[in-house]
């Protein structure tokens, strides 16, 4: 007697249909599903707004710190916490030759940055110093808006973020456009829904102009 093959169960079929629909939506309009998580800030509870899947935190202030660089810096949040954030996409040169415990230093990293910038090691550190100074001058005494998912890939309490300049531009784009950063580090979809690949192409065009 022939054995009939089992038909797929309805829950399995439904899950497959949903998965295909999600895949299709992301192919048609990347970021749309992230945008469905958007919500306004809640004044009563202090919950920040969610935009494009990121927490949008307004009213942050600059914290002067010796470890700040053009692409990594401390901010004081509205609730008083001080946290360190690093920008998506942009990698500014080191602003100082540093030595650490165990004989480690940042000299190899500086040389790698110098090669990409087409200058010597000492010259690329000067670019790093300029990036650090200009970002600090831009934000000192100003209200800062950032977008973060609180991801901490290196477990060092440095959280990736997108940051707006006072005139509303993206800080990582501004740094690349000004020749103060290379397109080298982790990217992500922007809060406004711009796909990561599209943003990277734009940055690489700015970098190579």
N, C-alpha and C. Protein backbone atom coordinates (compact mmCIF):
# COMPACT_ATOMS: atom_id res chain seq x y z
N UNK A 1 0.85 -1.19 0.00
CA UNK A 1 0.00 0.00 0.00
C UNK A 1 0.89 1.25 0.00
N UNK A 2 0.59 2.18 -0.88
CA UNK A 2 1.40 3.41 -0.96
C UNK A 2 1.20 4.26 0.28
N UNK A 3 2.28 4.88 0.71
CA UNK A 3 2.23 5.76 1.89
C UNK A 3 2.09 7.20 1.42
N UNK A 4 1.05 7.86 1.86
CA UNK A 4 0.84 9.26 1.46
C UNK A 4 1.78 10.18 2.22
N UNK A 5 2.37 11.11 1.48
CA UNK A 5 3.23 12.10 2.14
C UNK A 5 2.36 13.04 2.96
N UNK A 6 2.90 13.43 4.11
CA UNK A 6 2.16 14.34 4.98
C UNK A 6 2.08 15.73 4.37
N UNK A 7 0.92 16.33 4.44
CA UNK A 7 0.79 17.72 3.98
C UNK A 7 1.34 18.65 5.05
N UNK A 8 1.95 19.75 4.63
CA UNK A 8 2.45 20.71 5.62
C UNK A 8 1.32 21.21 6.50
N UNK A 9 1.58 21.39 7.77
CA UNK A 9 0.55 21.89 8.68
C UNK A 9 0.24 23.34 8.37
N UNK A 10 -0.98 23.78 8.68
CA UNK A 10 -1.37 25.16 8.41
C UNK A 10 -0.51 26.17 9.15
N UNK A 11 -0.14 25.94 10.42
CA UNK A 11 0.74 26.91 11.09
C UNK A 11 2.07 27.08 10.36
N UNK A 12 2.61 25.97 9.85
CA UNK A 12 3.88 26.06 9.12
C UNK A 12 3.71 26.88 7.85
N UNK A 13 2.62 26.61 7.12
CA UNK A 13 2.36 27.35 5.89
C UNK A 13 2.18 28.83 6.18
N UNK A 14 1.45 29.13 7.26
CA UNK A 14 1.22 30.53 7.62
C UNK A 14 2.53 31.23 7.94
N UNK A 15 3.41 30.55 8.68
CA UNK A 15 4.71 31.14 9.01
C UNK A 15 5.53 31.39 7.76
N UNK A 16 5.49 30.46 6.81
CA UNK A 16 6.23 30.65 5.56
C UNK A 16 5.70 31.83 4.78
N UNK A 17 4.37 31.99 4.75
CA UNK A 17 3.77 33.12 4.05
C UNK A 17 4.19 34.44 4.69
N UNK A 18 4.17 34.48 6.02
CA UNK A 18 4.57 35.70 6.74
C UNK A 18 6.03 36.02 6.47
N UNK A 19 6.88 34.98 6.52
CA UNK A 19 8.31 35.19 6.27
C UNK A 19 8.56 35.73 4.87
N UNK A 20 7.87 35.18 3.89
CA UNK A 20 8.02 35.66 2.51
C UNK A 20 7.51 37.09 2.37
N UNK A 21 6.43 37.41 3.08
CA UNK A 21 5.89 38.78 3.03
C UNK A 21 6.89 39.77 3.63
N UNK A 22 7.48 39.40 4.76
CA UNK A 22 8.47 40.28 5.40
C UNK A 22 9.66 40.48 4.47
N UNK A 23 10.12 39.38 3.87
CA UNK A 23 11.26 39.46 2.93
C UNK A 23 10.91 40.38 1.77
N UNK A 24 9.69 40.22 1.24
CA UNK A 24 9.28 41.04 0.10
C UNK A 24 9.20 42.51 0.45
N UNK A 25 8.67 42.83 1.63
CA UNK A 25 8.57 44.23 2.06
C UNK A 25 9.96 44.85 2.19
N UNK A 26 10.89 44.11 2.79
CA UNK A 26 12.25 44.65 2.96
C UNK A 26 12.95 44.83 1.62
N UNK A 27 12.64 43.95 0.65
CA UNK A 27 13.23 44.11 -0.68
C UNK A 27 12.63 45.32 -1.39
N UNK A 28 11.32 45.51 -1.21
CA UNK A 28 10.62 46.60 -1.88
C UNK A 28 10.95 47.95 -1.27
N UNK A 29 10.96 48.02 0.05
CA UNK A 29 11.24 49.28 0.73
C UNK A 29 12.03 48.99 2.01
N UNK A 30 13.37 48.93 1.88
CA UNK A 30 14.20 48.64 3.06
C UNK A 30 13.93 49.63 4.19
N UNK A 31 13.83 49.12 5.40
CA UNK A 31 13.65 49.98 6.56
C UNK A 31 12.22 50.25 6.94
N UNK A 32 11.27 49.84 6.06
CA UNK A 32 9.86 50.13 6.36
C UNK A 32 9.43 49.45 7.65
N UNK A 33 9.83 48.20 7.85
CA UNK A 33 9.42 47.48 9.05
C UNK A 33 10.04 48.09 10.30
N UNK A 34 11.28 48.60 10.18
CA UNK A 34 11.88 49.29 11.33
C UNK A 34 11.07 50.53 11.67
N UNK A 35 10.60 51.21 10.63
CA UNK A 35 9.82 52.41 10.86
C UNK A 35 8.51 52.16 11.56
N UNK A 36 7.99 50.94 11.46
CA UNK A 36 6.73 50.62 12.13
C UNK A 36 6.88 50.63 13.64
N UNK A 37 8.13 50.58 14.14
CA UNK A 37 8.37 50.62 15.58
C UNK A 37 8.44 52.05 16.11
N UNK A 38 8.32 53.04 15.22
CA UNK A 38 8.44 54.43 15.65
C UNK A 38 7.38 54.77 16.68
N UNK A 39 7.77 55.60 17.64
CA UNK A 39 6.82 56.07 18.64
C UNK A 39 7.30 57.41 19.18
N UNK A 40 6.39 58.27 19.56
CA UNK A 40 6.79 59.58 20.09
C UNK A 40 7.36 59.45 21.50
N UNK A 41 8.06 60.47 21.94
CA UNK A 41 8.57 60.49 23.31
C UNK A 41 7.40 60.58 24.29
N UNK A 42 7.59 59.97 25.45
CA UNK A 42 6.56 60.01 26.50
C UNK A 42 7.08 60.92 27.61
N UNK A 43 6.50 62.11 27.69
CA UNK A 43 6.96 63.11 28.66
C UNK A 43 6.76 62.61 30.09
N UNK A 44 5.67 61.92 30.35
CA UNK A 44 5.36 61.48 31.71
C UNK A 44 6.35 60.44 32.23
N UNK A 45 6.69 59.48 31.38
CA UNK A 45 7.60 58.41 31.82
C UNK A 45 9.05 58.70 31.51
N UNK A 46 9.30 59.71 30.64
CA UNK A 46 10.68 60.01 30.26
C UNK A 46 11.21 59.11 29.16
N UNK A 47 10.35 58.25 28.59
CA UNK A 47 10.78 57.37 27.51
C UNK A 47 11.08 58.20 26.27
N UNK A 48 12.25 57.99 25.64
CA UNK A 48 12.58 58.76 24.44
C UNK A 48 11.77 58.30 23.23
N UNK A 49 11.76 59.11 22.21
CA UNK A 49 11.09 58.73 20.96
C UNK A 49 11.88 57.61 20.29
N UNK A 50 11.21 56.83 19.46
CA UNK A 50 11.86 55.81 18.64
C UNK A 50 11.65 56.20 17.19
N UNK A 51 12.74 56.32 16.44
CA UNK A 51 12.70 56.73 15.03
C UNK A 51 13.54 55.75 14.22
N UNK A 52 12.90 55.08 13.28
CA UNK A 52 13.62 54.13 12.44
C UNK A 52 14.26 53.00 13.22
N UNK A 53 13.70 52.69 14.38
CA UNK A 53 14.25 51.63 15.22
C UNK A 53 15.28 52.11 16.22
N UNK A 54 15.66 53.38 16.16
CA UNK A 54 16.65 53.95 17.08
C UNK A 54 15.96 54.82 18.14
N UNK A 55 16.52 54.82 19.34
CA UNK A 55 16.08 55.81 20.32
C UNK A 55 16.59 57.18 19.89
N UNK A 56 15.69 58.13 19.80
CA UNK A 56 16.07 59.50 19.49
C UNK A 56 16.14 60.27 20.81
N UNK A 57 17.34 60.70 21.17
CA UNK A 57 17.54 61.38 22.45
C UNK A 57 17.96 62.82 22.18
N UNK A 58 17.10 63.74 22.54
CA UNK A 58 17.37 65.16 22.35
C UNK A 58 17.84 65.78 23.67
N UNK A 59 18.49 66.92 23.56
CA UNK A 59 18.90 67.64 24.76
C UNK A 59 20.15 67.09 25.41
N UNK A 60 20.97 66.34 24.67
CA UNK A 60 22.25 65.87 25.21
C UNK A 60 23.25 67.03 25.19
N UNK A 61 24.25 66.96 26.05
CA UNK A 61 25.27 68.02 26.10
C UNK A 61 26.67 67.41 26.05
N UNK A 62 27.59 68.20 25.53
CA UNK A 62 28.97 67.77 25.34
C UNK A 62 29.68 67.66 26.69
N UNK A 63 30.49 66.62 26.86
CA UNK A 63 31.32 66.45 28.05
C UNK A 63 32.78 66.49 27.62
N UNK A 64 33.51 67.46 28.10
CA UNK A 64 34.93 67.57 27.76
C UNK A 64 35.69 66.42 28.42
N UNK A 65 36.46 65.68 27.63
CA UNK A 65 37.17 64.51 28.15
C UNK A 65 38.41 64.28 27.30
N UNK A 66 39.51 63.95 27.94
CA UNK A 66 40.77 63.74 27.22
C UNK A 66 40.72 62.60 26.23
N UNK A 67 39.81 61.65 26.44
CA UNK A 67 39.71 60.51 25.54
C UNK A 67 38.81 60.74 24.34
N UNK A 68 38.17 61.92 24.26
CA UNK A 68 37.31 62.21 23.12
C UNK A 68 38.13 62.31 21.83
N UNK A 69 37.53 61.88 20.73
CA UNK A 69 38.09 62.07 19.41
C UNK A 69 36.99 62.57 18.50
N UNK A 70 37.31 62.77 17.22
CA UNK A 70 36.30 63.28 16.30
C UNK A 70 35.12 62.35 16.11
N UNK A 71 35.37 61.04 16.24
CA UNK A 71 34.30 60.07 15.99
C UNK A 71 33.85 59.31 17.23
N UNK A 72 34.38 59.69 18.39
CA UNK A 72 34.06 58.98 19.63
C UNK A 72 34.17 59.97 20.79
N UNK A 73 33.06 60.12 21.54
CA UNK A 73 33.06 61.17 22.56
C UNK A 73 32.00 60.91 23.61
N UNK A 74 32.14 61.63 24.74
CA UNK A 74 31.19 61.50 25.85
C UNK A 74 30.10 62.57 25.73
N UNK A 75 28.88 62.13 26.03
CA UNK A 75 27.75 63.05 26.08
C UNK A 75 26.99 62.84 27.38
N UNK A 76 26.47 63.93 27.92
CA UNK A 76 25.59 63.84 29.08
C UNK A 76 24.15 63.79 28.60
N UNK A 77 23.44 62.74 28.99
CA UNK A 77 22.06 62.57 28.57
C UNK A 77 21.14 63.42 29.45
N UNK A 78 19.92 63.67 29.01
CA UNK A 78 18.99 64.49 29.80
C UNK A 78 18.75 63.97 31.21
N UNK A 79 18.92 62.64 31.43
CA UNK A 79 18.71 62.10 32.77
C UNK A 79 19.95 62.19 33.66
N UNK A 80 21.03 62.82 33.12
CA UNK A 80 22.24 63.03 33.91
C UNK A 80 23.35 62.02 33.67
N UNK A 81 23.03 60.88 33.05
CA UNK A 81 24.05 59.88 32.76
C UNK A 81 25.06 60.41 31.75
N UNK A 82 26.32 60.01 31.90
CA UNK A 82 27.34 60.31 30.91
C UNK A 82 27.71 59.00 30.23
N UNK A 83 27.56 58.96 28.90
CA UNK A 83 27.86 57.76 28.13
C UNK A 83 28.77 58.14 26.97
N UNK A 84 29.51 57.14 26.48
CA UNK A 84 30.41 57.37 25.34
C UNK A 84 29.78 56.77 24.09
N UNK A 85 29.83 57.53 23.01
CA UNK A 85 29.26 57.09 21.74
C UNK A 85 30.30 57.13 20.64
N UNK A 86 30.19 56.21 19.71
CA UNK A 86 31.05 56.20 18.54
C UNK A 86 30.16 56.24 17.30
N UNK A 87 30.60 56.95 16.28
CA UNK A 87 29.79 57.15 15.10
C UNK A 87 29.81 55.93 14.19
N UNK A 88 28.69 55.67 13.55
CA UNK A 88 28.65 54.71 12.45
C UNK A 88 29.43 55.29 11.26
N UNK A 89 30.02 54.42 10.48
CA UNK A 89 30.64 54.71 9.20
C UNK A 89 31.98 55.45 9.29
N UNK A 90 32.09 56.49 10.09
CA UNK A 90 33.25 57.39 10.04
C UNK A 90 34.35 56.99 11.01
N UNK A 91 35.58 56.98 10.53
CA UNK A 91 36.75 56.71 11.37
C UNK A 91 37.72 57.87 11.23
N UNK A 92 37.77 58.72 12.26
CA UNK A 92 38.74 59.82 12.28
C UNK A 92 40.10 59.28 12.71
N UNK A 93 41.18 59.88 12.22
CA UNK A 93 42.51 59.46 12.68
C UNK A 93 42.67 59.66 14.19
N UNK A 94 43.53 58.86 14.77
CA UNK A 94 43.88 59.05 16.18
C UNK A 94 44.44 60.46 16.36
N UNK A 95 44.12 61.08 17.48
CA UNK A 95 44.56 62.45 17.72
C UNK A 95 45.84 62.52 18.55
N UNK A 96 46.38 61.34 18.87
CA UNK A 96 47.58 61.31 19.72
C UNK A 96 48.23 59.94 19.63
N UNK A 97 49.56 59.91 19.63
CA UNK A 97 50.27 58.64 19.75
C UNK A 97 50.12 58.18 21.19
N UNK A 98 49.61 56.97 21.38
CA UNK A 98 49.35 56.48 22.73
C UNK A 98 50.03 55.13 22.96
N UNK A 99 50.43 54.92 24.21
CA UNK A 99 50.97 53.63 24.65
C UNK A 99 50.09 53.11 25.77
N UNK A 100 49.86 51.80 25.79
CA UNK A 100 48.99 51.17 26.78
C UNK A 100 49.78 50.13 27.57
N UNK A 101 49.12 49.52 28.52
CA UNK A 101 49.76 48.48 29.30
C UNK A 101 50.11 47.27 28.46
N UNK A 102 51.11 46.53 28.89
CA UNK A 102 51.50 45.32 28.17
C UNK A 102 52.27 45.59 26.90
N UNK A 103 52.81 46.79 26.77
CA UNK A 103 53.60 47.12 25.58
C UNK A 103 52.77 47.45 24.34
N UNK A 104 51.45 47.55 24.48
CA UNK A 104 50.61 47.85 23.33
C UNK A 104 50.59 49.35 23.05
N UNK A 105 50.30 49.71 21.80
CA UNK A 105 50.16 51.11 21.43
C UNK A 105 49.26 51.22 20.20
N UNK A 106 49.00 52.45 19.79
CA UNK A 106 48.12 52.67 18.64
C UNK A 106 48.89 53.03 17.38
N UNK A 107 50.19 52.79 17.37
CA UNK A 107 51.04 53.24 16.26
C UNK A 107 50.72 52.53 14.95
N UNK A 108 50.42 51.23 15.03
CA UNK A 108 50.08 50.50 13.80
C UNK A 108 48.78 51.02 13.21
N UNK A 109 47.82 51.31 14.08
CA UNK A 109 46.54 51.85 13.62
C UNK A 109 46.75 53.22 12.97
N UNK A 110 47.59 54.04 13.57
CA UNK A 110 47.88 55.36 13.00
C UNK A 110 48.51 55.21 11.62
N UNK A 111 49.42 54.27 11.49
CA UNK A 111 50.07 54.08 10.18
C UNK A 111 49.05 53.63 9.14
N UNK A 112 48.13 52.74 9.52
CA UNK A 112 47.08 52.29 8.61
C UNK A 112 46.21 53.46 8.17
N UNK A 113 45.88 54.34 9.10
CA UNK A 113 45.10 55.53 8.76
C UNK A 113 45.89 56.45 7.84
N UNK A 114 47.18 56.60 8.11
CA UNK A 114 48.02 57.47 7.28
C UNK A 114 48.06 56.98 5.83
N UNK A 115 48.15 55.68 5.65
CA UNK A 115 48.15 55.11 4.29
C UNK A 115 46.86 55.47 3.57
N UNK A 116 45.72 55.32 4.24
CA UNK A 116 44.44 55.63 3.61
C UNK A 116 44.28 57.12 3.31
N UNK A 117 44.83 57.96 4.16
CA UNK A 117 44.74 59.41 3.93
C UNK A 117 45.83 59.92 2.98
N UNK A 118 46.82 59.07 2.69
CA UNK A 118 47.87 59.46 1.76
C UNK A 118 48.85 60.45 2.34
N UNK A 119 49.07 60.38 3.66
CA UNK A 119 50.01 61.28 4.33
C UNK A 119 50.89 60.47 5.27
N UNK A 120 51.82 61.13 5.93
CA UNK A 120 52.68 60.46 6.89
C UNK A 120 51.98 60.26 8.22
N UNK A 121 52.60 59.47 9.09
CA UNK A 121 51.99 59.17 10.38
C UNK A 121 51.78 60.42 11.22
N UNK A 122 52.77 61.30 11.26
CA UNK A 122 52.66 62.53 12.05
C UNK A 122 51.56 63.43 11.49
N UNK A 123 51.49 63.50 10.15
CA UNK A 123 50.48 64.36 9.52
C UNK A 123 49.07 63.85 9.78
N UNK A 124 48.89 62.52 9.78
CA UNK A 124 47.52 62.02 9.98
C UNK A 124 47.06 62.26 11.42
N UNK A 125 47.99 62.27 12.37
CA UNK A 125 47.63 62.59 13.76
C UNK A 125 47.17 64.05 13.85
N UNK A 126 47.77 64.92 13.05
CA UNK A 126 47.34 66.32 13.03
C UNK A 126 45.91 66.44 12.49
N UNK A 127 45.57 65.58 11.51
CA UNK A 127 44.18 65.57 11.02
C UNK A 127 43.25 65.10 12.13
N UNK A 128 43.70 64.11 12.89
CA UNK A 128 42.90 63.63 14.01
C UNK A 128 42.68 64.71 15.05
N UNK A 129 43.71 65.48 15.33
CA UNK A 129 43.59 66.59 16.29
C UNK A 129 42.59 67.62 15.79
N UNK A 130 42.66 67.92 14.49
CA UNK A 130 41.73 68.90 13.92
C UNK A 130 40.29 68.40 14.02
N UNK A 131 40.08 67.11 13.73
CA UNK A 131 38.73 66.55 13.83
C UNK A 131 38.21 66.67 15.25
N UNK A 132 39.04 66.31 16.21
CA UNK A 132 38.66 66.38 17.62
C UNK A 132 38.30 67.81 18.02
N UNK A 133 39.12 68.77 17.62
CA UNK A 133 38.90 70.17 18.01
C UNK A 133 37.64 70.74 17.35
N UNK A 134 37.44 70.42 16.08
CA UNK A 134 36.30 71.00 15.37
C UNK A 134 34.97 70.42 15.85
N UNK A 135 34.96 69.12 16.18
CA UNK A 135 33.73 68.52 16.70
C UNK A 135 33.42 69.09 18.08
N UNK A 136 34.44 69.23 18.91
CA UNK A 136 34.23 69.81 20.24
C UNK A 136 33.70 71.24 20.13
N UNK A 137 34.29 72.04 19.24
CA UNK A 137 33.85 73.43 19.07
C UNK A 137 32.42 73.49 18.54
N UNK A 138 32.07 72.54 17.69
CA UNK A 138 30.74 72.50 17.11
C UNK A 138 29.67 72.28 18.17
N UNK A 139 29.97 71.43 19.17
CA UNK A 139 28.94 70.98 20.10
C UNK A 139 29.00 71.61 21.49
N UNK A 140 30.11 72.19 21.88
CA UNK A 140 30.21 72.76 23.22
C UNK A 140 29.14 73.84 23.41
N UNK A 141 28.35 73.70 24.47
CA UNK A 141 27.31 74.67 24.77
C UNK A 141 26.07 74.54 23.91
N UNK A 142 25.98 73.48 23.12
CA UNK A 142 24.82 73.29 22.24
C UNK A 142 24.03 72.05 22.66
N UNK A 143 22.77 72.04 22.34
CA UNK A 143 21.93 70.86 22.55
C UNK A 143 22.19 69.86 21.42
N UNK A 144 22.39 68.61 21.77
CA UNK A 144 22.78 67.59 20.79
C UNK A 144 21.69 66.52 20.69
N UNK A 145 21.40 66.12 19.46
CA UNK A 145 20.43 65.05 19.21
C UNK A 145 21.17 63.83 18.68
N UNK A 146 20.93 62.68 19.31
CA UNK A 146 21.56 61.45 18.83
C UNK A 146 20.52 60.35 18.67
N UNK A 147 20.89 59.36 17.87
CA UNK A 147 20.05 58.19 17.62
C UNK A 147 20.89 56.95 17.89
N UNK A 148 20.43 56.08 18.77
CA UNK A 148 21.22 54.91 19.13
C UNK A 148 20.33 53.70 19.38
N UNK A 149 20.91 52.51 19.14
CA UNK A 149 20.27 51.25 19.51
C UNK A 149 20.96 50.64 20.72
N UNK A 150 21.93 51.36 21.27
CA UNK A 150 22.67 50.90 22.44
C UNK A 150 23.44 49.60 22.16
N UNK A 151 23.89 49.43 20.92
CA UNK A 151 24.71 48.25 20.65
C UNK A 151 26.15 48.53 21.08
N UNK A 152 26.75 47.56 21.70
CA UNK A 152 28.09 47.70 22.29
C UNK A 152 28.94 46.50 21.85
N UNK A 153 29.36 46.47 20.56
CA UNK A 153 29.98 45.27 20.01
C UNK A 153 31.28 44.85 20.68
N UNK A 154 32.01 45.79 21.24
CA UNK A 154 33.29 45.46 21.87
C UNK A 154 33.18 45.36 23.39
N UNK A 155 31.96 45.46 23.90
CA UNK A 155 31.71 45.35 25.34
C UNK A 155 32.57 46.34 26.14
N UNK A 156 32.70 47.54 25.60
CA UNK A 156 33.52 48.57 26.26
C UNK A 156 32.70 49.82 26.59
N UNK A 157 31.37 49.68 26.57
CA UNK A 157 30.46 50.77 26.89
C UNK A 157 30.64 51.96 25.95
N UNK A 158 31.00 51.66 24.71
CA UNK A 158 30.98 52.68 23.66
C UNK A 158 29.89 52.26 22.69
N UNK A 159 28.84 53.06 22.64
CA UNK A 159 27.64 52.69 21.90
C UNK A 159 27.61 53.38 20.54
N UNK A 160 27.33 52.63 19.49
CA UNK A 160 27.21 53.21 18.17
C UNK A 160 26.04 54.18 18.12
N UNK A 161 26.21 55.24 17.35
CA UNK A 161 25.14 56.24 17.26
C UNK A 161 25.27 57.06 15.98
N UNK A 162 24.15 57.63 15.57
CA UNK A 162 24.12 58.68 14.58
C UNK A 162 23.89 59.98 15.34
N UNK A 163 24.60 61.03 14.96
CA UNK A 163 24.49 62.31 15.66
C UNK A 163 24.22 63.41 14.64
N UNK A 164 23.31 64.31 14.99
CA UNK A 164 23.00 65.45 14.14
C UNK A 164 23.91 66.64 14.49
N UNK A 165 24.40 67.35 13.46
CA UNK A 165 25.12 68.60 13.70
C UNK A 165 24.09 69.68 14.03
N UNK A 166 24.53 70.84 14.56
CA UNK A 166 23.56 71.90 14.89
C UNK A 166 22.73 72.37 13.71
N UNK A 167 23.26 72.24 12.46
CA UNK A 167 22.48 72.67 11.30
C UNK A 167 21.65 71.54 10.68
N UNK A 168 21.60 70.39 11.38
CA UNK A 168 20.72 69.31 10.94
C UNK A 168 21.34 68.26 10.04
N UNK A 169 22.64 68.38 9.73
CA UNK A 169 23.31 67.37 8.91
C UNK A 169 23.73 66.19 9.78
N UNK A 170 24.11 65.09 9.15
CA UNK A 170 24.66 63.96 9.89
C UNK A 170 26.14 64.20 10.14
N UNK A 171 26.57 64.02 11.39
CA UNK A 171 27.96 64.31 11.74
C UNK A 171 28.92 63.41 10.97
N UNK A 172 28.60 62.13 10.80
CA UNK A 172 29.53 61.25 10.09
C UNK A 172 29.73 61.70 8.64
N UNK A 173 28.66 62.18 8.00
CA UNK A 173 28.78 62.68 6.63
C UNK A 173 29.63 63.94 6.59
N UNK A 174 29.40 64.82 7.55
CA UNK A 174 30.15 66.07 7.60
C UNK A 174 31.65 65.80 7.76
N UNK A 175 32.01 64.86 8.61
CA UNK A 175 33.42 64.53 8.84
C UNK A 175 34.08 64.00 7.56
N UNK A 176 33.37 63.12 6.86
CA UNK A 176 33.94 62.58 5.62
C UNK A 176 34.06 63.69 4.57
N UNK A 177 33.03 64.52 4.45
CA UNK A 177 33.04 65.61 3.48
C UNK A 177 34.17 66.59 3.74
N UNK A 178 34.47 66.83 5.02
CA UNK A 178 35.53 67.77 5.38
C UNK A 178 36.93 67.15 5.31
N UNK A 179 37.01 65.88 4.96
CA UNK A 179 38.31 65.22 4.88
C UNK A 179 38.90 64.89 6.23
N UNK A 180 38.04 64.76 7.24
CA UNK A 180 38.50 64.50 8.60
C UNK A 180 38.24 63.06 9.05
N UNK A 181 37.67 62.25 8.16
CA UNK A 181 37.38 60.86 8.50
C UNK A 181 37.41 60.01 7.23
N UNK A 182 37.72 58.75 7.41
CA UNK A 182 37.64 57.78 6.31
C UNK A 182 36.39 56.91 6.53
N UNK A 183 35.89 56.33 5.46
CA UNK A 183 34.76 55.42 5.55
C UNK A 183 35.34 54.04 5.84
N UNK A 184 35.26 53.63 7.10
CA UNK A 184 36.04 52.45 7.48
C UNK A 184 35.38 51.57 8.53
N UNK A 185 34.49 52.13 9.31
CA UNK A 185 33.96 51.38 10.45
C UNK A 185 32.54 50.88 10.16
N UNK A 186 31.90 50.32 11.16
CA UNK A 186 30.58 49.71 11.00
C UNK A 186 29.54 50.69 10.48
N UNK A 187 28.73 50.23 9.54
CA UNK A 187 27.64 51.03 9.03
C UNK A 187 26.30 50.48 9.48
N UNK A 188 25.24 51.20 9.17
CA UNK A 188 23.89 50.77 9.52
C UNK A 188 22.89 51.59 8.72
N UNK A 189 21.66 51.12 8.67
CA UNK A 189 20.59 51.92 8.06
C UNK A 189 20.39 53.19 8.87
N UNK A 190 20.20 54.31 8.21
CA UNK A 190 20.00 55.56 8.90
C UNK A 190 18.60 55.64 9.52
N UNK A 191 18.42 56.46 10.54
CA UNK A 191 17.10 56.62 11.15
C UNK A 191 16.03 57.09 10.17
N UNK A 192 16.45 57.80 9.11
CA UNK A 192 15.46 58.27 8.13
C UNK A 192 15.12 57.20 7.09
N UNK A 193 15.67 55.99 7.25
CA UNK A 193 15.35 54.89 6.36
C UNK A 193 16.32 54.70 5.22
N UNK A 194 17.33 55.57 5.07
CA UNK A 194 18.32 55.39 4.02
C UNK A 194 19.06 54.06 4.23
N UNK A 195 19.05 53.17 3.23
CA UNK A 195 19.72 51.87 3.40
C UNK A 195 21.23 52.03 3.61
N UNK A 196 21.80 51.09 4.34
CA UNK A 196 23.24 51.14 4.63
C UNK A 196 24.06 51.20 3.35
N UNK A 197 23.75 50.36 2.37
CA UNK A 197 24.54 50.33 1.14
C UNK A 197 24.47 51.66 0.40
N UNK A 198 23.29 52.27 0.36
CA UNK A 198 23.14 53.57 -0.30
C UNK A 198 23.95 54.64 0.41
N UNK A 199 23.92 54.64 1.74
CA UNK A 199 24.69 55.62 2.50
C UNK A 199 26.19 55.42 2.29
N UNK A 200 26.62 54.17 2.27
CA UNK A 200 28.05 53.89 2.09
C UNK A 200 28.53 54.39 0.71
N UNK A 201 27.70 54.18 -0.31
CA UNK A 201 28.07 54.68 -1.64
C UNK A 201 28.20 56.20 -1.64
N UNK A 202 27.28 56.86 -0.96
CA UNK A 202 27.35 58.33 -0.90
C UNK A 202 28.61 58.78 -0.19
N UNK A 203 28.94 58.12 0.92
CA UNK A 203 30.13 58.49 1.67
C UNK A 203 31.39 58.24 0.88
N UNK A 204 31.44 57.12 0.17
CA UNK A 204 32.61 56.81 -0.64
C UNK A 204 32.78 57.81 -1.77
N UNK A 205 31.66 58.32 -2.30
CA UNK A 205 31.72 59.37 -3.33
C UNK A 205 32.28 60.65 -2.73
N UNK A 206 31.83 60.99 -1.52
CA UNK A 206 32.36 62.18 -0.85
C UNK A 206 33.84 62.02 -0.53
N UNK A 207 34.22 60.81 -0.15
CA UNK A 207 35.60 60.52 0.22
C UNK A 207 36.53 60.63 -0.99
N UNK A 208 36.02 60.24 -2.16
CA UNK A 208 36.87 60.20 -3.35
C UNK A 208 36.80 61.41 -4.23
N UNK A 209 36.06 62.44 -3.83
CA UNK A 209 35.89 63.61 -4.71
C UNK A 209 37.16 64.44 -4.80
